[in-house]
N, C-alpha and C. Protein backbone atom coordinates (compact mmCIF):
# COMPACT_ATOMS: atom_id res chain seq x y z
N UNK A 1 -34.90 18.66 -5.63
CA UNK A 1 -33.89 17.85 -5.91
C UNK A 1 -33.77 16.52 -4.21
N UNK A 2 -33.60 15.78 -5.03
CA UNK A 2 -33.64 14.21 -4.19
C UNK A 2 -32.05 13.80 -3.25
N UNK A 3 -32.16 13.85 -2.05
CA UNK A 3 -30.90 14.09 -1.21
C UNK A 3 -30.72 12.27 -0.83
N UNK A 4 -29.40 12.29 -1.10
CA UNK A 4 -28.90 11.21 -0.37
C UNK A 4 -28.58 10.64 0.70
N UNK A 5 -29.04 9.98 0.52
CA UNK A 5 -29.39 8.53 1.87
C UNK A 5 -28.13 7.66 2.51
N UNK A 6 -28.25 6.85 3.49
CA UNK A 6 -27.74 6.50 4.28
C UNK A 6 -27.70 4.64 4.56
N UNK A 7 -27.44 3.71 4.31
CA UNK A 7 -28.49 2.54 4.57
C UNK A 7 -28.09 2.48 5.88
N UNK A 8 -28.25 1.98 7.33
CA UNK A 8 -27.96 1.45 8.41
C UNK A 8 -27.23 0.47 9.16
N UNK A 9 -27.47 -1.32 7.91
CA UNK A 9 -27.31 -2.07 8.55
C UNK A 9 -25.76 -1.82 7.40
N UNK A 10 -25.52 -0.94 5.98
CA UNK A 10 -24.42 -1.54 5.27
C UNK A 10 -23.45 -0.07 4.96
N UNK A 11 -24.54 0.81 5.10
CA UNK A 11 -23.82 1.95 5.42
C UNK A 11 -23.45 3.12 3.23
N UNK A 12 -24.13 1.92 2.82
CA UNK A 12 -24.17 2.43 1.36
C UNK A 12 -24.81 4.03 1.43
N UNK A 13 -24.22 4.44 0.59
CA UNK A 13 -25.42 5.53 -0.20
C UNK A 13 -26.00 5.45 -0.93
N UNK A 14 -27.41 5.34 -1.35
CA UNK A 14 -28.33 5.62 -2.91
C UNK A 14 -29.02 7.28 -2.12
N UNK A 15 -29.40 7.19 -3.16
CA UNK A 15 -30.98 8.31 -4.07
C UNK A 15 -32.05 7.54 -4.01
N UNK A 16 -31.90 6.50 -4.07
CA UNK A 16 -33.42 5.44 -3.94
C UNK A 16 -34.04 4.88 -2.40
N UNK A 17 -35.45 4.98 -2.35
CA UNK A 17 -35.77 3.89 -1.20
C UNK A 17 -35.43 3.18 -0.83
N UNK A 18 -34.79 1.90 -1.41
CA UNK A 18 -34.28 0.71 -0.98
C UNK A 18 -32.60 0.83 -1.35
N UNK A 19 -31.42 0.06 -0.13
CA UNK A 19 -30.31 -0.21 0.10
C UNK A 19 -30.39 -0.99 -1.24
N UNK A 20 -29.28 -0.02 -2.65
CA UNK A 20 -29.14 -1.48 -3.74
C UNK A 20 -27.58 -2.05 -3.44
N UNK A 21 -27.11 -1.90 -2.51
CA UNK A 21 -26.05 -3.07 -1.93
C UNK A 21 -26.36 -4.37 -1.54
N UNK A 22 -27.69 -3.88 -0.14
CA UNK A 22 -28.27 -4.91 0.76
C UNK A 22 -29.30 -5.36 0.91
N UNK A 23 -30.49 -3.81 -0.18
CA UNK A 23 -31.49 -4.13 -0.14
C UNK A 23 -32.44 -4.10 0.65
N UNK A 24 -31.81 -2.90 2.00
CA UNK A 24 -32.73 -2.92 3.32
C UNK A 24 -33.49 -1.89 2.94
N UNK A 25 -34.72 -1.73 3.46
CA UNK A 25 -35.49 -0.57 3.26
C UNK A 25 -35.08 0.75 4.87
N UNK A 26 -34.21 0.32 5.47
CA UNK A 26 -33.36 1.29 6.61
C UNK A 26 -32.24 2.07 6.01
N UNK A 27 -33.02 3.32 5.21
CA UNK A 27 -32.27 4.49 5.22
C UNK A 27 -31.98 5.56 6.62
N UNK A 28 -30.91 6.47 5.71
CA UNK A 28 -31.01 7.76 6.46
C UNK A 28 -30.42 8.84 5.98
N UNK A 29 -30.96 10.15 6.13
CA UNK A 29 -30.73 11.27 5.19
C UNK A 29 -29.27 10.98 6.41
N UNK A 30 -29.58 11.41 7.67
CA UNK A 30 -28.00 11.73 8.75
C UNK A 30 -27.21 10.55 8.60
N UNK A 31 -25.64 11.35 8.42
CA UNK A 31 -24.58 10.36 7.96
C UNK A 31 -23.61 11.64 8.16
N UNK A 32 -22.81 10.58 7.75
CA UNK A 32 -21.33 11.60 7.40
C UNK A 32 -19.98 11.03 6.69
N UNK A 33 -19.14 12.06 6.08
CA UNK A 33 -17.61 11.40 5.15
C UNK A 33 -18.70 10.20 4.46
N UNK A 34 -17.19 10.95 3.63
CA UNK A 34 -17.13 9.81 2.38
C UNK A 34 -16.38 8.69 2.27
N UNK A 35 -16.48 7.78 1.28
CA UNK A 35 -15.61 6.48 1.24
C UNK A 35 -15.22 6.07 -0.11
N UNK A 36 -15.36 6.56 -1.34
CA UNK A 36 -15.28 6.07 -2.36
C UNK A 36 -14.16 4.28 -2.32
N UNK A 37 -15.09 2.77 -2.82
CA UNK A 37 -14.29 1.95 -3.18
C UNK A 37 -14.16 1.95 -4.40
N UNK A 38 -13.84 1.29 -5.40
CA UNK A 38 -13.58 1.44 -6.71
C UNK A 38 -13.23 -0.54 -6.48
N UNK A 39 -12.29 -0.63 -5.78
CA UNK A 39 -11.57 -2.06 -6.02
C UNK A 39 -11.42 -2.87 -4.41
N UNK A 40 -12.77 -3.20 -4.18
CA UNK A 40 -12.87 -3.71 -2.95
C UNK A 40 -11.38 -5.02 -1.63
N UNK A 41 -11.21 -5.64 -3.75
CA UNK A 41 -10.78 -7.38 -2.97
C UNK A 41 -8.77 -6.86 -2.64
N UNK A 42 -8.64 -5.05 -3.28
CA UNK A 42 -7.75 -4.92 -2.96
C UNK A 42 -7.71 -3.83 -1.96
N UNK A 43 -8.47 -3.19 -1.38
CA UNK A 43 -8.00 -2.13 -0.59
C UNK A 43 -8.31 -2.44 0.57
N UNK A 44 -6.91 -1.46 1.55
CA UNK A 44 -7.12 -1.57 2.91
C UNK A 44 -8.17 -1.56 3.43
N UNK A 45 -8.71 -0.16 2.89
CA UNK A 45 -9.58 0.44 3.65
C UNK A 45 -11.02 -0.59 3.66
N UNK A 46 -11.77 -0.58 2.23
CA UNK A 46 -12.57 -1.62 2.49
C UNK A 46 -12.18 -2.79 3.08
N UNK A 47 -11.12 -3.38 3.48
CA UNK A 47 -11.23 -4.67 4.01
C UNK A 47 -11.33 -4.27 5.91
N UNK A 48 -10.59 -3.28 6.33
CA UNK A 48 -11.13 -1.73 7.42
C UNK A 48 -12.23 -2.65 7.82
N UNK A 49 -13.03 -1.33 6.87
CA UNK A 49 -14.64 -1.12 6.79
C UNK A 49 -15.11 -2.55 6.47
N UNK A 50 -15.12 -3.38 6.47
CA UNK A 50 -16.11 -4.59 5.94
C UNK A 50 -16.91 -5.14 4.56
N UNK A 51 -16.19 -3.58 3.70
CA UNK A 51 -17.28 -3.73 2.17
C UNK A 51 -16.54 -4.69 1.49
N UNK A 52 -17.49 -5.05 0.91
CA UNK A 52 -16.97 -6.21 0.11
C UNK A 52 -18.30 -6.29 -1.40
N UNK A 53 -18.97 -4.74 -1.52
CA UNK A 53 -18.26 -4.40 -3.02
C UNK A 53 -18.52 -2.90 -3.48
N UNK A 54 -18.48 -2.54 -4.03
CA UNK A 54 -17.53 -1.17 -5.34
C UNK A 54 -19.18 -0.58 -4.41
N UNK A 55 -18.55 0.87 -4.42
CA UNK A 55 -18.96 1.72 -4.16
C UNK A 55 -18.90 3.14 -3.53
N UNK A 56 -20.17 3.98 -3.02
CA UNK A 56 -20.33 5.03 -2.39
C UNK A 56 -20.38 4.91 -1.51
N UNK A 57 -20.09 4.62 -0.10
CA UNK A 57 -20.00 4.89 1.62
C UNK A 57 -20.39 5.54 2.33
N UNK A 58 -21.11 5.77 3.58
CA UNK A 58 -20.95 6.63 4.44
C UNK A 58 -19.92 5.82 5.59
N UNK A 59 -19.04 7.46 6.13
CA UNK A 59 -18.52 6.73 7.18
C UNK A 59 -18.82 6.57 8.49
N UNK A 60 -19.65 7.54 8.93
CA UNK A 60 -20.50 7.45 10.43
C UNK A 60 -22.04 7.82 10.19
N UNK A 61 -23.16 6.83 10.31
CA UNK A 61 -24.80 6.22 10.06
C UNK A 61 -25.56 6.54 10.97
N UNK A 62 -25.88 7.24 11.54
CA UNK A 62 -26.56 7.44 12.62
C UNK A 62 -28.03 7.51 12.60
């Protein structure tokens, strides 16, 4: 079973070897917490976390 990994640059969560958000290959399986962004333009959470694209993000990436 494939494991979800988080991008160290933008915290986007993916199951592939390249981040679907920033195209980075700097991914880690060591992350905590999830936030789902559906409408980044109107989301206060997305604004606070500086997220501009909808998707699934980790709250803490190590």
